[in-house]
mmCIF file of all heavy atoms, coordinates in Angstrom:
data_MODEL
# 
_entry.id   MODEL 
# 
loop_
_atom_site.group_PDB 
_atom_site.id 
_atom_site.type_symbol 
_atom_site.label_atom_id 
_atom_site.label_alt_id 
_atom_site.label_comp_id 
_atom_site.label_asym_id 
_atom_site.label_entity_id 
_atom_site.label_seq_id 
_atom_site.pdbx_PDB_ins_code 
_atom_site.Cartn_x 
_atom_site.Cartn_y 
_atom_site.Cartn_z 
_atom_site.occupancy 
_atom_site.B_iso_or_equiv 
_atom_site.pdbx_formal_charge 
_atom_site.auth_seq_id 
_atom_site.auth_comp_id 
_atom_site.auth_asym_id 
_atom_site.auth_atom_id 
_atom_site.pdbx_PDB_model_num 
ATOM 1   N N   . PRO A 1 1  ? 120.350 -134.369 26.216 1.00 0.00 ? 1  PRO A N   1 
ATOM 2   C CA  . PRO A 1 1  ? 119.192 -134.057 27.049 1.00 0.00 ? 1  PRO A CA  1 
ATOM 3   C C   . PRO A 1 1  ? 118.438 -135.304 27.529 1.00 0.00 ? 1  PRO A C   1 
ATOM 4   O O   . PRO A 1 1  ? 117.898 -135.132 28.798 1.00 0.00 ? 1  PRO A O   1 
ATOM 5   C CB  . PRO A 1 1  ? 118.247 -133.362 26.007 1.00 0.00 ? 1  PRO A CB  1 
ATOM 6   C CG  . PRO A 1 1  ? 118.799 -133.696 24.639 1.00 0.00 ? 1  PRO A CG  1 
ATOM 7   C CD  . PRO A 1 1  ? 120.174 -134.064 24.907 1.00 0.00 ? 1  PRO A CD  1 
ATOM 8   N N   . ALA A 1 2  ? 118.504 -136.423 27.074 1.00 0.00 ? 2  ALA A N   1 
ATOM 9   C CA  . ALA A 1 2  ? 117.902 -137.627 27.500 1.00 0.00 ? 2  ALA A CA  1 
ATOM 10  C C   . ALA A 1 2  ? 118.397 -138.015 28.913 1.00 0.00 ? 2  ALA A C   1 
ATOM 11  O O   . ALA A 1 2  ? 117.720 -138.636 29.789 1.00 0.00 ? 2  ALA A O   1 
ATOM 12  C CB  . ALA A 1 2  ? 117.927 -138.773 26.559 1.00 0.00 ? 2  ALA A CB  1 
ATOM 13  N N   . ALA A 1 3  ? 119.665 -137.711 29.010 1.00 0.00 ? 3  ALA A N   1 
ATOM 14  C CA  . ALA A 1 3  ? 120.348 -138.094 30.348 1.00 0.00 ? 3  ALA A CA  1 
ATOM 15  C C   . ALA A 1 3  ? 119.698 -137.269 31.546 1.00 0.00 ? 3  ALA A C   1 
ATOM 16  O O   . ALA A 1 3  ? 119.689 -137.692 32.642 1.00 0.00 ? 3  ALA A O   1 
ATOM 17  C CB  . ALA A 1 3  ? 121.912 -137.850 30.270 1.00 0.00 ? 3  ALA A CB  1 
ATOM 18  N N   . LEU A 1 4  ? 119.321 -136.154 31.185 1.00 0.00 ? 4  LEU A N   1 
ATOM 19  C CA  . LEU A 1 4  ? 118.629 -135.304 32.259 1.00 0.00 ? 4  LEU A CA  1 
ATOM 20  C C   . LEU A 1 4  ? 117.347 -135.936 32.785 1.00 0.00 ? 4  LEU A C   1 
ATOM 21  O O   . LEU A 1 4  ? 116.966 -135.909 33.857 1.00 0.00 ? 4  LEU A O   1 
ATOM 22  C CB  . LEU A 1 4  ? 118.214 -133.904 31.686 1.00 0.00 ? 4  LEU A CB  1 
ATOM 23  C CG  . LEU A 1 4  ? 119.444 -132.935 31.593 1.00 0.00 ? 4  LEU A CG  1 
ATOM 24  C CD1 . LEU A 1 4  ? 118.875 -131.580 30.975 1.00 0.00 ? 4  LEU A CD1 1 
ATOM 25  C CD2 . LEU A 1 4  ? 120.027 -132.680 33.049 1.00 0.00 ? 4  LEU A CD2 1 
ATOM 26  N N   . LEU A 1 5  ? 116.607 -136.550 31.877 1.00 0.00 ? 5  LEU A N   1 
ATOM 27  C CA  . LEU A 1 5  ? 115.367 -137.319 32.209 1.00 0.00 ? 5  LEU A CA  1 
ATOM 28  C C   . LEU A 1 5  ? 115.634 -138.682 32.875 1.00 0.00 ? 5  LEU A C   1 
ATOM 29  O O   . LEU A 1 5  ? 114.775 -139.105 33.621 1.00 0.00 ? 5  LEU A O   1 
ATOM 30  C CB  . LEU A 1 5  ? 114.421 -137.335 30.985 1.00 0.00 ? 5  LEU A CB  1 
ATOM 31  C CG  . LEU A 1 5  ? 114.063 -136.074 30.303 1.00 0.00 ? 5  LEU A CG  1 
ATOM 32  C CD1 . LEU A 1 5  ? 113.242 -136.398 29.067 1.00 0.00 ? 5  LEU A CD1 1 
ATOM 33  C CD2 . LEU A 1 5  ? 113.259 -135.279 31.271 1.00 0.00 ? 5  LEU A CD2 1 
ATOM 34  N N   . ALA A 1 6  ? 116.710 -139.224 32.438 1.00 0.00 ? 6  ALA A N   1 
ATOM 35  C CA  . ALA A 1 6  ? 117.050 -140.568 32.971 1.00 0.00 ? 6  ALA A CA  1 
ATOM 36  C C   . ALA A 1 6  ? 117.736 -140.501 34.299 1.00 0.00 ? 6  ALA A C   1 
ATOM 37  O O   . ALA A 1 6  ? 117.721 -141.565 35.011 1.00 0.00 ? 6  ALA A O   1 
ATOM 38  C CB  . ALA A 1 6  ? 117.867 -141.372 32.029 1.00 0.00 ? 6  ALA A CB  1 
ATOM 39  N N   . GLY A 1 7  ? 118.531 -139.553 34.573 1.00 0.00 ? 7  GLY A N   1 
ATOM 40  C CA  . GLY A 1 7  ? 119.321 -139.444 35.884 1.00 0.00 ? 7  GLY A CA  1 
ATOM 41  C C   . GLY A 1 7  ? 118.586 -138.987 37.042 1.00 0.00 ? 7  GLY A C   1 
ATOM 42  O O   . GLY A 1 7  ? 117.238 -138.804 37.057 1.00 0.00 ? 7  GLY A O   1 
ATOM 43  N N   . PRO A 1 8  ? 119.377 -138.930 37.990 1.00 0.00 ? 8  PRO A N   1 
ATOM 44  C CA  . PRO A 1 8  ? 118.662 -138.622 39.431 1.00 0.00 ? 8  PRO A CA  1 
ATOM 45  C C   . PRO A 1 8  ? 118.569 -137.084 39.493 1.00 0.00 ? 8  PRO A C   1 
ATOM 46  O O   . PRO A 1 8  ? 119.043 -136.453 40.367 1.00 0.00 ? 8  PRO A O   1 
ATOM 47  C CB  . PRO A 1 8  ? 119.712 -139.165 40.483 1.00 0.00 ? 8  PRO A CB  1 
ATOM 48  C CG  . PRO A 1 8  ? 121.015 -138.936 39.659 1.00 0.00 ? 8  PRO A CG  1 
ATOM 49  C CD  . PRO A 1 8  ? 120.729 -139.179 38.298 1.00 0.00 ? 8  PRO A CD  1 
ATOM 50  N N   . THR A 1 9  ? 117.701 -136.579 38.661 1.00 0.00 ? 9  THR A N   1 
ATOM 51  C CA  . THR A 1 9  ? 117.450 -135.147 38.664 1.00 0.00 ? 9  THR A CA  1 
ATOM 52  C C   . THR A 1 9  ? 115.985 -134.839 38.823 1.00 0.00 ? 9  THR A C   1 
ATOM 53  O O   . THR A 1 9  ? 115.234 -135.693 39.040 1.00 0.00 ? 9  THR A O   1 
ATOM 54  C CB  . THR A 1 9  ? 117.957 -134.494 37.331 1.00 0.00 ? 9  THR A CB  1 
ATOM 55  O OG1 . THR A 1 9  ? 117.255 -135.020 36.258 1.00 0.00 ? 9  THR A OG1 1 
ATOM 56  C CG2 . THR A 1 9  ? 119.479 -134.712 37.173 1.00 0.00 ? 9  THR A CG2 1 
ATOM 57  N N   . ARG A 1 10 ? 115.611 -133.558 38.608 1.00 0.00 ? 10 ARG A N   1 
ATOM 58  C CA  . ARG A 1 10 ? 114.211 -133.264 38.670 1.00 0.00 ? 10 ARG A CA  1 
ATOM 59  C C   . ARG A 1 10 ? 113.478 -133.457 37.306 1.00 0.00 ? 10 ARG A C   1 
ATOM 60  O O   . ARG A 1 10 ? 112.384 -132.812 36.992 1.00 0.00 ? 10 ARG A O   1 
ATOM 61  C CB  . ARG A 1 10 ? 114.118 -131.726 39.137 1.00 0.00 ? 10 ARG A CB  1 
ATOM 62  C CG  . ARG A 1 10 ? 114.686 -131.585 40.599 1.00 0.00 ? 10 ARG A CG  1 
ATOM 63  C CD  . ARG A 1 10 ? 114.661 -130.107 40.999 1.00 0.00 ? 10 ARG A CD  1 
ATOM 64  N NE  . ARG A 1 10 ? 114.824 -129.262 39.927 1.00 0.00 ? 10 ARG A NE  1 
ATOM 65  C CZ  . ARG A 1 10 ? 114.012 -128.142 39.664 1.00 0.00 ? 10 ARG A CZ  1 
ATOM 66  N NH1 . ARG A 1 10 ? 113.121 -127.779 40.667 1.00 0.00 ? 10 ARG A NH1 1 
ATOM 67  N NH2 . ARG A 1 10 ? 114.100 -127.317 38.769 1.00 0.00 ? 10 ARG A NH2 1 
ATOM 68  N N   . GLY A 1 11 ? 114.045 -134.072 36.416 1.00 0.00 ? 11 GLY A N   1 
ATOM 69  C CA  . GLY A 1 11 ? 113.415 -134.587 35.131 1.00 0.00 ? 11 GLY A CA  1 
ATOM 70  C C   . GLY A 1 11 ? 113.131 -133.432 34.146 1.00 0.00 ? 11 GLY A C   1 
ATOM 71  O O   . GLY A 1 11 ? 114.020 -132.648 33.845 1.00 0.00 ? 11 GLY A O   1 
ATOM 72  N N   . LEU A 1 12 ? 111.809 -133.310 33.973 1.00 0.00 ? 12 LEU A N   1 
ATOM 73  C CA  . LEU A 1 12 ? 111.396 -132.293 32.973 1.00 0.00 ? 12 LEU A CA  1 
ATOM 74  C C   . LEU A 1 12 ? 111.709 -130.881 33.486 1.00 0.00 ? 12 LEU A C   1 
ATOM 75  O O   . LEU A 1 12 ? 111.959 -130.003 32.650 1.00 0.00 ? 12 LEU A O   1 
ATOM 76  C CB  . LEU A 1 12 ? 109.869 -132.396 32.698 1.00 0.00 ? 12 LEU A CB  1 
ATOM 77  C CG  . LEU A 1 12 ? 109.400 -133.535 31.750 1.00 0.00 ? 12 LEU A CG  1 
ATOM 78  C CD1 . LEU A 1 12 ? 108.056 -133.553 31.620 1.00 0.00 ? 12 LEU A CD1 1 
ATOM 79  C CD2 . LEU A 1 12 ? 110.124 -133.381 30.306 1.00 0.00 ? 12 LEU A CD2 1 
ATOM 80  N N   . ALA A 1 13 ? 111.675 -130.674 34.761 1.00 0.00 ? 13 ALA A N   1 
ATOM 81  C CA  . ALA A 1 13 ? 111.933 -129.363 35.277 1.00 0.00 ? 13 ALA A CA  1 
ATOM 82  C C   . ALA A 1 13 ? 113.489 -128.938 34.983 1.00 0.00 ? 13 ALA A C   1 
ATOM 83  O O   . ALA A 1 13 ? 113.704 -127.808 34.503 1.00 0.00 ? 13 ALA A O   1 
ATOM 84  C CB  . ALA A 1 13 ? 111.708 -129.259 36.711 1.00 0.00 ? 13 ALA A CB  1 
ATOM 85  N N   . ASP A 1 14 ? 114.256 -129.911 35.087 1.00 0.00 ? 14 ASP A N   1 
ATOM 86  C CA  . ASP A 1 14 ? 115.810 -129.717 34.714 1.00 0.00 ? 14 ASP A CA  1 
ATOM 87  C C   . ASP A 1 14 ? 116.035 -129.413 33.211 1.00 0.00 ? 14 ASP A C   1 
ATOM 88  O O   . ASP A 1 14 ? 116.793 -128.623 32.780 1.00 0.00 ? 14 ASP A O   1 
ATOM 89  C CB  . ASP A 1 14 ? 116.713 -130.817 35.347 1.00 0.00 ? 14 ASP A CB  1 
ATOM 90  C CG  . ASP A 1 14 ? 116.980 -130.587 36.712 1.00 0.00 ? 14 ASP A CG  1 
ATOM 91  O OD1 . ASP A 1 14 ? 116.564 -129.602 37.347 1.00 0.00 ? 14 ASP A OD1 1 
ATOM 92  O OD2 . ASP A 1 14 ? 117.544 -131.572 37.379 1.00 0.00 ? 14 ASP A OD2 1 
ATOM 93  N N   . LEU A 1 15 ? 115.277 -130.271 32.442 1.00 0.00 ? 15 LEU A N   1 
ATOM 94  C CA  . LEU A 1 15 ? 115.395 -130.119 30.974 1.00 0.00 ? 15 LEU A CA  1 
ATOM 95  C C   . LEU A 1 15 ? 114.895 -128.632 30.638 1.00 0.00 ? 15 LEU A C   1 
ATOM 96  O O   . LEU A 1 15 ? 115.527 -128.049 29.763 1.00 0.00 ? 15 LEU A O   1 
ATOM 97  C CB  . LEU A 1 15 ? 114.540 -131.123 30.336 1.00 0.00 ? 15 LEU A CB  1 
ATOM 98  C CG  . LEU A 1 15 ? 114.516 -131.158 28.883 1.00 0.00 ? 15 LEU A CG  1 
ATOM 99  C CD1 . LEU A 1 15 ? 116.059 -131.388 28.328 1.00 0.00 ? 15 LEU A CD1 1 
ATOM 100 C CD2 . LEU A 1 15 ? 113.685 -132.260 28.160 1.00 0.00 ? 15 LEU A CD2 1 
ATOM 101 N N   . TYR A 1 16 ? 113.757 -128.174 31.169 1.00 0.00 ? 16 TYR A N   1 
ATOM 102 C CA  . TYR A 1 16 ? 113.250 -126.850 30.961 1.00 0.00 ? 16 TYR A CA  1 
ATOM 103 C C   . TYR A 1 16 ? 114.324 -125.768 31.258 1.00 0.00 ? 16 TYR A C   1 
ATOM 104 O O   . TYR A 1 16 ? 114.639 -124.911 30.504 1.00 0.00 ? 16 TYR A O   1 
ATOM 105 C CB  . TYR A 1 16 ? 111.964 -126.628 31.653 1.00 0.00 ? 16 TYR A CB  1 
ATOM 106 C CG  . TYR A 1 16 ? 111.594 -125.177 31.716 1.00 0.00 ? 16 TYR A CG  1 
ATOM 107 C CD1 . TYR A 1 16 ? 110.763 -124.861 30.509 1.00 0.00 ? 16 TYR A CD1 1 
ATOM 108 C CD2 . TYR A 1 16 ? 111.687 -124.239 32.592 1.00 0.00 ? 16 TYR A CD2 1 
ATOM 109 C CE1 . TYR A 1 16 ? 110.400 -123.488 30.385 1.00 0.00 ? 16 TYR A CE1 1 
ATOM 110 C CE2 . TYR A 1 16 ? 111.466 -122.971 32.507 1.00 0.00 ? 16 TYR A CE2 1 
ATOM 111 C CZ  . TYR A 1 16 ? 110.723 -122.648 31.323 1.00 0.00 ? 16 TYR A CZ  1 
ATOM 112 O OH  . TYR A 1 16 ? 110.245 -121.264 31.221 1.00 0.00 ? 16 TYR A OH  1 
ATOM 113 N N   . VAL A 1 17 ? 115.028 -125.950 32.456 1.00 0.00 ? 17 VAL A N   1 
ATOM 114 C CA  . VAL A 1 17 ? 115.897 -124.917 32.867 1.00 0.00 ? 17 VAL A CA  1 
ATOM 115 C C   . VAL A 1 17 ? 117.162 -124.948 31.783 1.00 0.00 ? 17 VAL A C   1 
ATOM 116 O O   . VAL A 1 17 ? 117.635 -123.960 31.379 1.00 0.00 ? 17 VAL A O   1 
ATOM 117 C CB  . VAL A 1 17 ? 116.596 -125.338 34.303 1.00 0.00 ? 17 VAL A CB  1 
ATOM 118 C CG1 . VAL A 1 17 ? 117.786 -124.444 34.594 1.00 0.00 ? 17 VAL A CG1 1 
ATOM 119 C CG2 . VAL A 1 17 ? 115.450 -125.036 35.270 1.00 0.00 ? 17 VAL A CG2 1 
ATOM 120 N N   . ALA A 1 18 ? 117.635 -126.218 31.410 1.00 0.00 ? 18 ALA A N   1 
ATOM 121 C CA  . ALA A 1 18 ? 118.616 -126.311 30.537 1.00 0.00 ? 18 ALA A CA  1 
ATOM 122 C C   . ALA A 1 18 ? 118.407 -125.618 29.139 1.00 0.00 ? 18 ALA A C   1 
ATOM 123 O O   . ALA A 1 18 ? 119.238 -125.045 28.398 1.00 0.00 ? 18 ALA A O   1 
ATOM 124 C CB  . ALA A 1 18 ? 119.069 -127.758 30.318 1.00 0.00 ? 18 ALA A CB  1 
ATOM 125 N N   . LEU A 1 19 ? 117.097 -125.845 28.632 1.00 0.00 ? 19 LEU A N   1 
ATOM 126 C CA  . LEU A 1 19 ? 116.759 -125.274 27.324 1.00 0.00 ? 19 LEU A CA  1 
ATOM 127 C C   . LEU A 1 19 ? 116.429 -123.827 27.400 1.00 0.00 ? 19 LEU A C   1 
ATOM 128 O O   . LEU A 1 19 ? 116.459 -123.268 26.253 1.00 0.00 ? 19 LEU A O   1 
ATOM 129 C CB  . LEU A 1 19 ? 115.440 -126.066 26.939 1.00 0.00 ? 19 LEU A CB  1 
ATOM 130 C CG  . LEU A 1 19 ? 115.593 -127.554 26.488 1.00 0.00 ? 19 LEU A CG  1 
ATOM 131 C CD1 . LEU A 1 19 ? 114.265 -128.218 26.333 1.00 0.00 ? 19 LEU A CD1 1 
ATOM 132 C CD2 . LEU A 1 19 ? 116.379 -127.700 25.296 1.00 0.00 ? 19 LEU A CD2 1 
ATOM 133 N N   . THR A 1 20 ? 116.225 -123.231 28.494 1.00 0.00 ? 20 THR A N   1 
ATOM 134 C CA  . THR A 1 20 ? 115.901 -121.840 28.539 1.00 0.00 ? 20 THR A CA  1 
ATOM 135 C C   . THR A 1 20 ? 117.027 -120.868 29.135 1.00 0.00 ? 20 THR A C   1 
ATOM 136 O O   . THR A 1 20 ? 116.698 -119.695 29.439 1.00 0.00 ? 20 THR A O   1 
ATOM 137 C CB  . THR A 1 20 ? 114.656 -121.576 29.384 1.00 0.00 ? 20 THR A CB  1 
ATOM 138 O OG1 . THR A 1 20 ? 114.896 -122.095 30.770 1.00 0.00 ? 20 THR A OG1 1 
ATOM 139 C CG2 . THR A 1 20 ? 113.417 -122.362 28.876 1.00 0.00 ? 20 THR A CG2 1 
ATOM 140 N N   . ARG A 1 21 ? 118.307 -121.261 29.124 1.00 0.00 ? 21 ARG A N   1 
ATOM 141 C CA  . ARG A 1 21 ? 119.376 -120.580 29.472 1.00 0.00 ? 21 ARG A CA  1 
ATOM 142 C C   . ARG A 1 21 ? 119.964 -119.585 28.368 1.00 0.00 ? 21 ARG A C   1 
ATOM 143 O O   . ARG A 1 21 ? 120.523 -118.603 28.706 1.00 0.00 ? 21 ARG A O   1 
ATOM 144 C CB  . ARG A 1 21 ? 120.534 -121.366 30.173 1.00 0.00 ? 21 ARG A CB  1 
ATOM 145 C CG  . ARG A 1 21 ? 120.251 -122.205 31.349 1.00 0.00 ? 21 ARG A CG  1 
ATOM 146 C CD  . ARG A 1 21 ? 119.591 -121.485 32.476 1.00 0.00 ? 21 ARG A CD  1 
ATOM 147 N NE  . ARG A 1 21 ? 118.098 -121.459 32.350 1.00 0.00 ? 21 ARG A NE  1 
ATOM 148 C CZ  . ARG A 1 21 ? 117.370 -120.587 32.909 1.00 0.00 ? 21 ARG A CZ  1 
ATOM 149 N NH1 . ARG A 1 21 ? 117.827 -119.675 33.788 1.00 0.00 ? 21 ARG A NH1 1 
ATOM 150 N NH2 . ARG A 1 21 ? 116.191 -120.530 32.757 1.00 0.00 ? 21 ARG A NH2 1 
ATOM 151 N N   . ALA A 1 22 ? 119.668 -120.012 27.203 1.00 0.00 ? 22 ALA A N   1 
ATOM 152 C CA  . ALA A 1 22 ? 120.261 -119.251 26.079 1.00 0.00 ? 22 ALA A CA  1 
ATOM 153 C C   . ALA A 1 22 ? 119.500 -118.107 25.659 1.00 0.00 ? 22 ALA A C   1 
ATOM 154 O O   . ALA A 1 22 ? 118.163 -118.195 25.558 1.00 0.00 ? 22 ALA A O   1 
ATOM 155 C CB  . ALA A 1 22 ? 120.280 -120.305 24.838 1.00 0.00 ? 22 ALA A CB  1 
ATOM 156 N N   . THR A 1 23 ? 120.189 -116.926 25.414 1.00 0.00 ? 23 THR A N   1 
ATOM 157 C CA  . THR A 1 23 ? 119.443 -115.769 24.973 1.00 0.00 ? 23 THR A CA  1 
ATOM 158 C C   . THR A 1 23 ? 119.558 -115.616 23.326 1.00 0.00 ? 23 THR A C   1 
ATOM 159 O O   . THR A 1 23 ? 118.726 -114.875 22.836 1.00 0.00 ? 23 THR A O   1 
ATOM 160 C CB  . THR A 1 23 ? 120.154 -114.594 25.624 1.00 0.00 ? 23 THR A CB  1 
ATOM 161 O OG1 . THR A 1 23 ? 121.435 -114.405 25.275 1.00 0.00 ? 23 THR A OG1 1 
ATOM 162 C CG2 . THR A 1 23 ? 119.908 -114.642 27.156 1.00 0.00 ? 23 THR A CG2 1 
ATOM 163 N N   . ARG A 1 24 ? 120.644 -116.250 22.776 1.00 0.00 ? 24 ARG A N   1 
ATOM 164 C CA  . ARG A 1 24 ? 120.755 -116.044 21.407 1.00 0.00 ? 24 ARG A CA  1 
ATOM 165 C C   . ARG A 1 24 ? 120.836 -117.512 20.566 1.00 0.00 ? 24 ARG A C   1 
ATOM 166 O O   . ARG A 1 24 ? 120.315 -117.563 19.423 1.00 0.00 ? 24 ARG A O   1 
ATOM 167 C CB  . ARG A 1 24 ? 121.984 -115.336 21.008 1.00 0.00 ? 24 ARG A CB  1 
ATOM 168 C CG  . ARG A 1 24 ? 121.904 -113.923 21.489 1.00 0.00 ? 24 ARG A CG  1 
ATOM 169 C CD  . ARG A 1 24 ? 123.159 -113.201 21.209 1.00 0.00 ? 24 ARG A CD  1 
ATOM 170 N NE  . ARG A 1 24 ? 123.146 -111.916 21.769 1.00 0.00 ? 24 ARG A NE  1 
ATOM 171 C CZ  . ARG A 1 24 ? 123.252 -110.808 21.117 1.00 0.00 ? 24 ARG A CZ  1 
ATOM 172 N NH1 . ARG A 1 24 ? 123.449 -110.757 19.840 1.00 0.00 ? 24 ARG A NH1 1 
ATOM 173 N NH2 . ARG A 1 24 ? 123.126 -109.621 21.629 1.00 0.00 ? 24 ARG A NH2 1 
ATOM 174 N N   . SER A 1 25 ? 121.519 -118.428 21.123 1.00 0.00 ? 25 SER A N   1 
ATOM 175 C CA  . SER A 1 25 ? 121.751 -119.603 20.308 1.00 0.00 ? 25 SER A CA  1 
ATOM 176 C C   . SER A 1 25 ? 121.731 -120.822 21.371 1.00 0.00 ? 25 SER A C   1 
ATOM 177 O O   . SER A 1 25 ? 122.497 -120.847 22.371 1.00 0.00 ? 25 SER A O   1 
ATOM 178 C CB  . SER A 1 25 ? 123.245 -119.513 19.804 1.00 0.00 ? 25 SER A CB  1 
ATOM 179 O OG  . SER A 1 25 ? 123.469 -120.719 19.174 1.00 0.00 ? 25 SER A OG  1 
# 
């Protein structure tokens, strides 16, 4: 997950999206 914040992305917004895709696990 640290790579999402360090890379050429939208930072915390991308981390939020990645963390909220799971419905069970």
